[in-house]
Amino acid sequence: MSARRGTPLTIEEICSTAVRLIDESGVEGLSMRKLAAELDVNPMSLYHHVESKEALLGLVCATAAERMHMPPDDGSPWQEQLKALGLAYHRHALEHPALWGYLHTHPQLISDHRLAIWQTLYRILRLAGVPESELPRTSEILNAFVAGVIVAETQGRLSDDPEEIDRTFDLAVHLIINGMVSFSA
């Protein structure tokens, strides 16, 4: 417990504050000192919870991904579930562009297929008829396709108009679903 703060520091509080700072100043603007100042703790207090800034960023990326709204396994068609997952991923990327950009330039942070997003995608791909042996490759290809669309959007290559961005992403999801239909047929 910090003498200045009066309450124990939690991983959730550290990660939430780090995400907010990254949203405001980018990953390069985050430092352990700035984070500690925001949390009103001594910078060394952070090291009781994370061993380094790199470890903090890994934890932040994992917890940010876990906060995404995943479509439930509610019996709806796989196409609807895949669209819902794609839209949640898209919305998350647009809400946290600096974090998303960092995540996708550090593939080791997103390669853990035990994360909820991957498990949800695997469940949906199984519903679509993708063989178990093809789940890793299919999911990585879909991720690369969606990431490419989002990179093009965030760099302004597709459009700066928010409505056009939504229509473009809807088209991308439509292309994915149609491709999956022909794959599973």
C-alpha atoms as a PDB file:
ATOM      1  CA  MET A   1       0.000   0.000   0.000  1.00  0.00           C
ATOM      2  CA  SER A   2       1.269   3.452  -0.858  1.00  0.00           C
ATOM      3  CA  ALA A   3       1.478   5.979   1.920  1.00  0.00           C
ATOM      4  CA  ARG A   4       0.267   8.637  -0.536  1.00  0.00           C
ATOM      5  CA  ARG A   5      -2.647   6.657  -1.909  1.00  0.00           C
ATOM      6  CA  GLY A   6      -4.081   4.887   1.076  1.00  0.00           C
ATOM      7  CA  THR A   7      -5.508   1.968  -0.949  1.00  0.00           C
ATOM      8  CA  PRO A   8      -3.804  -1.088  -2.421  1.00  0.00           C
ATOM      9  CA  LEU A   9      -2.840  -0.979  -6.073  1.00  0.00           C
ATOM     10  CA  THR A  10      -4.462  -3.606  -8.322  1.00  0.00           C
ATOM     11  CA  ILE A  11      -3.478  -5.054 -11.682  1.00  0.00           C
ATOM     12  CA  GLU A  12      -6.876  -3.980 -13.048  1.00  0.00           C
ATOM     13  CA  GLU A  13      -6.252  -0.384 -11.997  1.00  0.00           C
ATOM     14  CA  ILE A  14      -2.738  -0.446 -13.440  1.00  0.00           C
ATOM     15  CA  CYS A  15      -3.945  -1.833 -16.773  1.00  0.00           C
ATOM     16  CA  SER A  16      -6.953   0.491 -17.045  1.00  0.00           C
ATOM     17  CA  THR A  17      -4.809   3.532 -16.346  1.00  0.00           C
ATOM     18  CA  ALA A  18      -2.126   2.338 -18.776  1.00  0.00           C
ATOM     19  CA  VAL A  19      -4.740   1.899 -21.535  1.00  0.00           C
ATOM     20  CA  ARG A  20      -6.037   5.412 -20.911  1.00  0.00           C
ATOM     21  CA  LEU A  21      -2.510   6.852 -21.057  1.00  0.00           C
ATOM     22  CA  ILE A  22      -1.783   4.902 -24.260  1.00  0.00           C
ATOM     23  CA  ASP A  23      -5.032   6.181 -25.782  1.00  0.00           C
ATOM     24  CA  GLU A  24      -3.977   9.749 -24.914  1.00  0.00           C
ATOM     25  CA  SER A  25      -0.261   9.662 -25.819  1.00  0.00           C
ATOM     26  CA  GLY A  26       0.484   6.424 -27.644  1.00  0.00           C
ATOM     27  CA  VAL A  27       2.617   3.551 -26.448  1.00  0.00           C
ATOM     28  CA  GLU A  28       5.755   5.645 -26.725  1.00  0.00           C
ATOM     29  CA  GLY A  29       4.173   8.208 -24.375  1.00  0.00           C
ATOM     30  CA  LEU A  30       3.675   5.642 -21.632  1.00  0.00           C
ATOM     31  CA  SER A  31       6.365   5.395 -19.010  1.00  0.00           C
ATOM     32  CA  MET A  32       6.397   3.711 -15.650  1.00  0.00           C
ATOM     33  CA  ARG A  33       6.946   7.136 -14.037  1.00  0.00           C
ATOM     34  CA  LYS A  34       3.917   8.685 -15.790  1.00  0.00           C
ATOM     35  CA  LEU A  35       1.805   5.679 -14.887  1.00  0.00           C
ATOM     36  CA  ALA A  36       2.908   5.846 -11.253  1.00  0.00           C
ATOM     37  CA  ALA A  37       2.122   9.574 -11.133  1.00  0.00           C
ATOM     38  CA  GLU A  38      -1.384   8.931 -12.501  1.00  0.00           C
ATOM     39  CA  LEU A  39      -1.912   6.222  -9.894  1.00  0.00           C
ATOM     40  CA  ASP A  40      -0.417   8.391  -7.150  1.00  0.00           C
ATOM     41  CA  VAL A  41       2.174   5.775  -6.177  1.00  0.00           C
ATOM     42  CA  ASN A  42       5.929   5.554  -6.102  1.00  0.00           C
ATOM     43  CA  PRO A  43       7.177   4.192  -9.465  1.00  0.00           C
ATOM     44  CA  MET A  44       8.821   1.276  -7.657  1.00  0.00           C
ATOM     45  CA  SER A  45       5.362   0.173  -6.457  1.00  0.00           C
ATOM     46  CA  LEU A  46       4.511  -0.816 -10.028  1.00  0.00           C
ATOM     47  CA  TYR A  47       7.362  -3.309 -10.078  1.00  0.00           C
ATOM     48  CA  HIS A  48       5.625  -5.329  -7.358  1.00  0.00           C
ATOM     49  CA  HIS A  49       2.982  -6.084  -9.995  1.00  0.00           C
ATOM     50  CA  VAL A  50       4.910  -6.092 -13.302  1.00  0.00           C
ATOM     51  CA  GLU A  51       8.605  -6.636 -13.902  1.00  0.00           C
ATOM     52  CA  SER A  52       9.082  -4.120 -16.741  1.00  0.00           C
ATOM     53  CA  LYS A  53       7.343  -1.808 -19.179  1.00  0.00           C
ATOM     54  CA  GLU A  54       7.420  -4.612 -21.772  1.00  0.00           C
ATOM     55  CA  ALA A  55       5.720  -6.977 -19.318  1.00  0.00           C
ATOM     56  CA  LEU A  56       3.171  -4.258 -18.563  1.00  0.00           C
ATOM     57  CA  LEU A  57       2.440  -3.804 -22.276  1.00  0.00           C
ATOM     58  CA  GLY A  58       1.972  -7.550 -22.704  1.00  0.00           C
ATOM     59  CA  LEU A  59      -0.432  -7.616 -19.784  1.00  0.00           C
ATOM     60  CA  VAL A  60      -2.271  -4.537 -21.067  1.00  0.00           C
ATOM     61  CA  CYS A  61      -2.670  -6.105 -24.526  1.00  0.00           C
ATOM     62  CA  ALA A  62      -3.982  -9.357 -23.048  1.00  0.00           C
ATOM     63  CA  THR A  63      -6.436  -7.665 -20.709  1.00  0.00           C
ATOM     64  CA  ALA A  64      -7.604  -5.247 -23.416  1.00  0.00           C
ATOM     65  CA  ALA A  65      -8.386  -8.209 -25.671  1.00  0.00           C
ATOM     66  CA  GLU A  66     -10.256  -9.891 -22.814  1.00  0.00           C
ATOM     67  CA  ARG A  67     -12.441  -6.783 -22.418  1.00  0.00           C
ATOM     68  CA  MET A  68     -13.805  -7.054 -25.940  1.00  0.00           C
ATOM     69  CA  HIS A  69     -17.437  -8.065 -26.118  1.00  0.00           C
ATOM     70  CA  MET A  70     -17.458 -11.603 -27.512  1.00  0.00           C
ATOM     71  CA  PRO A  71     -20.565 -12.894 -29.255  1.00  0.00           C
ATOM     72  CA  PRO A  72     -22.206 -15.545 -27.115  1.00  0.00           C
ATOM     73  CA  ASP A  73     -22.753 -19.104 -28.220  1.00  0.00           C
ATOM     74  CA  ASP A  74     -26.488 -18.452 -28.425  1.00  0.00           C
ATOM     75  CA  GLY A  75     -27.396 -20.758 -31.276  1.00  0.00           C
ATOM     76  CA  SER A  76     -27.444 -17.989 -33.863  1.00  0.00           C
ATOM     77  CA  PRO A  77     -25.961 -18.858 -37.279  1.00  0.00           C
ATOM     78  CA  TRP A  78     -22.176 -18.824 -37.454  1.00  0.00           C
ATOM     79  CA  GLN A  79     -22.357 -16.016 -40.019  1.00  0.00           C
ATOM     80  CA  GLU A  80     -24.055 -13.720 -37.490  1.00  0.00           C
ATOM     81  CA  GLN A  81     -21.591 -14.700 -34.773  1.00  0.00           C
ATOM     82  CA  LEU A  82     -18.607 -14.116 -37.078  1.00  0.00           C
ATOM     83  CA  LYS A  83     -19.966 -10.705 -38.070  1.00  0.00           C
ATOM     84  CA  ALA A  84     -20.512  -9.800 -34.398  1.00  0.00           C
ATOM     85  CA  LEU A  85     -16.950 -10.845 -33.541  1.00  0.00           C
ATOM     86  CA  GLY A  86     -15.529  -8.896 -36.475  1.00  0.00           C
ATOM     87  CA  LEU A  87     -17.476  -5.773 -35.523  1.00  0.00           C
ATOM     88  CA  ALA A  88     -16.373  -6.054 -31.876  1.00  0.00           C
ATOM     89  CA  TYR A  89     -12.753  -6.398 -32.998  1.00  0.00           C
ATOM     90  CA  HIS A  90     -13.112  -3.460 -35.380  1.00  0.00           C
ATOM     91  CA  ARG A  91     -14.745  -1.253 -32.735  1.00  0.00           C
ATOM     92  CA  HIS A  92     -12.016  -2.142 -30.228  1.00  0.00           C
ATOM     93  CA  ALA A  93      -9.280  -1.318 -32.742  1.00  0.00           C
ATOM     94  CA  LEU A  94     -10.835   2.067 -33.501  1.00  0.00           C
ATOM     95  CA  GLU A  95     -11.334   2.838 -29.787  1.00  0.00           C
ATOM     96  CA  HIS A  96      -7.701   2.009 -28.958  1.00  0.00           C
ATOM     97  CA  PRO A  97      -5.710   2.601 -32.162  1.00  0.00           C
ATOM     98  CA  ALA A  98      -2.304   3.083 -30.515  1.00  0.00           C
ATOM     99  CA  LEU A  99      -2.648  -0.081 -28.447  1.00  0.00           C
ATOM    100  CA  TRP A 100      -4.006  -2.005 -31.431  1.00  0.00           C
ATOM    101  CA  GLY A 101      -1.117  -0.819 -33.614  1.00  0.00           C
ATOM    102  CA  TYR A 102       1.400  -1.872 -30.972  1.00  0.00           C
ATOM    103  CA  LEU A 103      -0.271  -5.234 -30.592  1.00  0.00           C
ATOM    104  CA  HIS A 104      -0.026  -5.942 -34.293  1.00  0.00           C
ATOM    105  CA  THR A 105       3.633  -4.992 -34.514  1.00  0.00           C
ATOM    106  CA  HIS A 106       4.422  -7.392 -31.671  1.00  0.00           C
ATOM    107  CA  PRO A 107       2.860 -10.661 -32.863  1.00  0.00           C
ATOM    108  CA  GLN A 108       4.057 -12.594 -29.829  1.00  0.00           C
ATOM    109  CA  LEU A 109       1.454 -10.661 -27.821  1.00  0.00           C
ATOM    110  CA  ILE A 110      -1.458 -11.991 -29.860  1.00  0.00           C
ATOM    111  CA  SER A 111      -0.202 -15.451 -30.691  1.00  0.00           C
ATOM    112  CA  ASP A 112      -1.644 -17.123 -27.594  1.00  0.00           C
ATOM    113  CA  HIS A 113      -4.634 -18.976 -28.996  1.00  0.00           C
ATOM    114  CA  ARG A 114      -5.921 -19.546 -25.476  1.00  0.00           C
ATOM    115  CA  LEU A 115      -7.114 -15.921 -25.346  1.00  0.00           C
ATOM    116  CA  ALA A 116     -10.887 -15.480 -25.407  1.00  0.00           C
ATOM    117  CA  ILE A 117     -10.888 -13.840 -28.840  1.00  0.00           C
ATOM    118  CA  TRP A 118      -9.138 -16.838 -30.422  1.00  0.00           C
ATOM    119  CA  GLN A 119     -11.321 -19.339 -28.557  1.00  0.00           C
ATOM    120  CA  THR A 120     -14.434 -17.484 -29.733  1.00  0.00           C
ATOM    121  CA  LEU A 121     -13.156 -17.447 -33.307  1.00  0.00           C
ATOM    122  CA  TYR A 122     -12.333 -21.169 -33.112  1.00  0.00           C
ATOM    123  CA  ARG A 123     -15.855 -21.908 -31.838  1.00  0.00           C
ATOM    124  CA  ILE A 124     -17.382 -19.946 -34.729  1.00  0.00           C
ATOM    125  CA  LEU A 125     -15.080 -21.567 -37.294  1.00  0.00           C
ATOM    126  CA  ARG A 126     -16.081 -25.001 -35.992  1.00  0.00           C
ATOM    127  CA  LEU A 127     -19.732 -24.020 -36.511  1.00  0.00           C
ATOM    128  CA  ALA A 128     -18.794 -23.007 -40.073  1.00  0.00           C
ATOM    129  CA  GLY A 129     -17.399 -26.486 -40.683  1.00  0.00           C
ATOM    130  CA  VAL A 130     -13.690 -25.691 -40.595  1.00  0.00           C
ATOM    131  CA  PRO A 131     -11.796 -28.897 -39.736  1.00  0.00           C
ATOM    132  CA  GLU A 132     -10.013 -28.885 -36.371  1.00  0.00           C
ATOM    133  CA  SER A 133      -6.626 -29.236 -38.057  1.00  0.00           C
ATOM    134  CA  GLU A 134      -7.277 -26.054 -40.074  1.00  0.00           C
ATOM    135  CA  LEU A 135      -8.414 -23.843 -37.179  1.00  0.00           C
ATOM    136  CA  PRO A 136      -5.019 -22.220 -36.435  1.00  0.00           C
ATOM    137  CA  ARG A 137      -4.230 -21.428 -40.048  1.00  0.00           C
ATOM    138  CA  THR A 138      -7.747 -20.256 -40.917  1.00  0.00           C
ATOM    139  CA  SER A 139      -7.934 -18.022 -37.869  1.00  0.00           C
ATOM    140  CA  GLU A 140      -4.516 -16.473 -38.593  1.00  0.00           C
ATOM    141  CA  ILE A 141      -5.526 -15.781 -42.210  1.00  0.00           C
ATOM    142  CA  LEU A 142      -8.802 -14.179 -41.115  1.00  0.00           C
ATOM    143  CA  ASN A 143      -6.928 -12.098 -38.540  1.00  0.00           C
ATOM    144  CA  ALA A 144      -4.440 -10.965 -41.187  1.00  0.00           C
ATOM    145  CA  PHE A 145      -7.260 -10.004 -43.554  1.00  0.00           C
ATOM    146  CA  VAL A 146      -9.159  -8.023 -40.919  1.00  0.00           C
ATOM    147  CA  ALA A 147      -5.957  -6.431 -39.589  1.00  0.00           C
ATOM    148  CA  GLY A 148      -5.057  -5.340 -43.113  1.00  0.00           C
ATOM    149  CA  VAL A 149      -8.416  -3.660 -43.572  1.00  0.00           C
ATOM    150  CA  ILE A 150      -8.088  -1.905 -40.207  1.00  0.00           C
ATOM    151  CA  VAL A 151      -4.526  -0.752 -40.998  1.00  0.00           C
ATOM    152  CA  ALA A 152      -5.738   0.686 -44.310  1.00  0.00           C
ATOM    153  CA  GLU A 153      -8.585   2.444 -42.479  1.00  0.00           C
ATOM    154  CA  THR A 154      -6.424   3.877 -39.704  1.00  0.00           C
ATOM    155  CA  GLN A 155      -3.922   5.160 -42.259  1.00  0.00           C
ATOM    156  CA  GLY A 156      -6.718   6.903 -44.166  1.00  0.00           C
ATOM    157  CA  ARG A 157      -6.224   4.850 -47.329  1.00  0.00           C
ATOM    158  CA  LEU A 158      -9.846   3.747 -47.535  1.00  0.00           C
ATOM    159  CA  SER A 159     -11.734   6.787 -46.239  1.00  0.00           C
ATOM    160  CA  ASP A 160     -11.769   9.367 -43.461  1.00  0.00           C
ATOM    161  CA  ASP A 161     -15.577   9.415 -43.317  1.00  0.00           C
ATOM    162  CA  PRO A 162     -16.807   7.371 -40.303  1.00  0.00           C
ATOM    163  CA  GLU A 163     -19.892   6.154 -42.181  1.00  0.00           C
ATOM    164  CA  GLU A 164     -17.759   5.048 -45.124  1.00  0.00           C
ATOM    165  CA  ILE A 165     -15.381   3.267 -42.742  1.00  0.00           C
ATOM    166  CA  ASP A 166     -18.329   1.304 -41.331  1.00  0.00           C
ATOM    167  CA  ARG A 167     -19.579   0.423 -44.835  1.00  0.00           C
ATOM    168  CA  THR A 168     -16.084  -0.648 -45.883  1.00  0.00           C
ATOM    169  CA  PHE A 169     -15.717  -2.901 -42.868  1.00  0.00           C
ATOM    170  CA  ASP A 170     -19.187  -4.348 -43.461  1.00  0.00           C
ATOM    171  CA  LEU A 171     -18.060  -5.195 -47.015  1.00  0.00           C
ATOM    172  CA  ALA A 172     -14.897  -6.850 -45.654  1.00  0.00           C
ATOM    173  CA  VAL A 173     -16.982  -8.971 -43.260  1.00  0.00           C
ATOM    174  CA  HIS A 174     -19.356  -9.843 -46.119  1.00  0.00           C
ATOM    175  CA  LEU A 175     -16.389 -11.003 -48.232  1.00  0.00           C
ATOM    176  CA  ILE A 176     -15.078 -13.101 -45.354  1.00  0.00           C
ATOM    177  CA  ILE A 177     -18.441 -14.748 -44.732  1.00  0.00           C
ATOM    178  CA  ASN A 178     -18.973 -15.483 -48.429  1.00  0.00           C
ATOM    179  CA  GLY A 179     -15.480 -16.966 -48.598  1.00  0.00           C
ATOM    180  CA  MET A 180     -16.192 -19.095 -45.543  1.00  0.00           C
ATOM    181  CA  VAL A 181     -19.481 -20.304 -47.077  1.00  0.00           C
ATOM    182  CA  SER A 182     -17.659 -21.491 -50.186  1.00  0.00           C
ATOM    183  CA  PHE A 183     -14.902 -23.028 -48.000  1.00  0.00           C
ATOM    184  CA  SER A 184     -17.342 -25.005 -45.904  1.00  0.00           C
ATOM    185  CA  ALA A 185     -19.544 -26.094 -48.846  1.00  0.00           C
END
